[in-house]
Amino acid sequence: MGGMSSSSATGPCARDRASTFRTYLAHGANMNAAAAAIPSHRHTVAYRLDRLRELTGLHPGSADDRERLGLGVKAWLVLDALAEVR
């Protein structure tokens, strides 16, 4: 995604951030609903979303940035899947 280094963009932490963000979107950007769905604590969801903001410069609380992040996560998932195939 955007400004992520290669070490930040791979591995279980990146997958957790992407999964958390997708769940956050699926639950109408409601942190409590996303936490219940994962299941995880609301603070864990907040931390992952803050980390995503730090790495990309995009704020998950902003509608415009959520759209960009959503597209970035989808692109990252496609690239990640392609890398696994190779």
Protein backbone atom coordinates (compact mmCIF):
# COMPACT_ATOMS: atom_id res chain seq x y z
CA MET A 1 0.00 0.00 0.00
CA GLY A 2 1.02 3.60 -0.61
CA GLY A 3 3.95 4.53 1.60
CA MET A 4 4.58 1.14 3.17
CA SER A 5 8.06 -0.30 3.08
CA SER A 6 8.37 -3.85 1.83
CA SER A 7 8.82 -5.14 5.39
CA SER A 8 5.65 -3.32 6.52
CA ALA A 9 3.65 -4.54 3.55
CA THR A 10 4.19 -8.26 4.02
CA GLY A 11 3.68 -10.84 6.68
CA PRO A 12 1.09 -11.50 9.32
CA CYS A 13 0.90 -7.91 10.64
CA ALA A 14 0.12 -6.55 7.17
CA ARG A 15 -2.50 -9.25 6.70
CA ASP A 16 -4.02 -8.40 10.09
CA ARG A 17 -4.19 -4.70 9.15
CA ALA A 18 -5.77 -5.48 5.78
CA SER A 19 -8.28 -7.90 7.30
CA THR A 20 -9.15 -5.48 10.10
CA PHE A 21 -9.63 -2.63 7.64
CA ARG A 22 -11.86 -4.74 5.39
CA THR A 23 -13.94 -5.78 8.41
CA TYR A 24 -14.11 -2.13 9.50
CA LEU A 25 -15.44 -1.20 6.06
CA ALA A 26 -17.90 -4.10 6.02
CA HIS A 27 -19.33 -2.84 9.32
CA GLY A 28 -19.91 0.73 8.17
CA ALA A 29 -16.64 2.09 9.61
CA ASN A 30 -17.88 1.19 13.09
CA MET A 31 -14.92 0.24 15.25
CA ASN A 32 -17.00 -1.55 17.90
CA ALA A 33 -18.85 -3.65 15.33
CA ALA A 34 -15.58 -4.50 13.58
CA ALA A 35 -14.02 -5.54 16.90
CA ALA A 36 -16.97 -7.81 17.67
CA ALA A 37 -16.79 -9.37 14.21
CA ILE A 38 -13.05 -10.14 14.23
CA PRO A 39 -13.33 -10.91 17.35
CA SER A 40 -10.90 -8.56 19.01
CA HIS A 41 -10.83 -5.70 21.46
CA ARG A 42 -11.82 -2.27 20.18
CA HIS A 43 -8.36 -0.97 21.13
CA THR A 44 -6.73 -3.59 18.89
CA VAL A 45 -8.86 -2.40 15.96
CA ALA A 46 -7.97 1.22 16.79
CA TYR A 47 -4.26 0.36 16.95
CA ARG A 48 -4.32 -1.44 13.59
CA LEU A 49 -6.19 1.43 11.93
CA ASP A 50 -3.77 3.95 13.45
CA ARG A 51 -0.84 1.90 12.19
CA LEU A 52 -2.41 1.84 8.73
CA ARG A 53 -2.71 5.64 8.90
CA GLU A 54 0.94 5.98 9.99
CA LEU A 55 2.15 3.77 7.15
CA THR A 56 0.05 5.30 4.38
CA GLY A 57 -0.72 8.84 5.49
CA LEU A 58 -4.42 8.10 4.86
CA HIS A 59 -6.96 8.33 7.69
CA PRO A 60 -9.52 5.50 7.92
CA GLY A 61 -11.95 7.95 9.53
CA SER A 62 -12.09 10.09 6.38
CA ALA A 63 -14.51 8.95 3.66
CA ASP A 64 -12.11 9.94 0.86
CA ASP A 65 -9.17 8.24 2.53
CA ARG A 66 -11.26 5.12 3.27
CA GLU A 67 -11.97 4.86 -0.45
CA ARG A 68 -8.26 5.13 -1.30
CA LEU A 69 -7.33 2.67 1.43
CA GLY A 70 -9.97 0.24 0.22
CA LEU A 71 -8.56 0.33 -3.30
CA GLY A 72 -5.04 -0.01 -1.93
CA VAL A 73 -5.95 -3.02 0.18
CA LYS A 74 -7.63 -4.70 -2.79
CA ALA A 75 -4.55 -4.08 -4.96
CA TRP A 76 -2.27 -5.35 -2.18
CA LEU A 77 -4.33 -8.53 -1.83
CA VAL A 78 -4.07 -9.20 -5.58
CA LEU A 79 -0.30 -8.61 -5.58
CA ASP A 80 0.10 -10.76 -2.46
CA ALA A 81 -1.87 -13.60 -4.08
CA LEU A 82 0.23 -13.35 -7.25
CA ALA A 83 3.44 -13.49 -5.22
CA GLU A 84 2.25 -16.69 -3.52
CA VAL A 85 1.57 -18.30 -6.91
CA ARG A 86 5.09 -17.62 -8.12
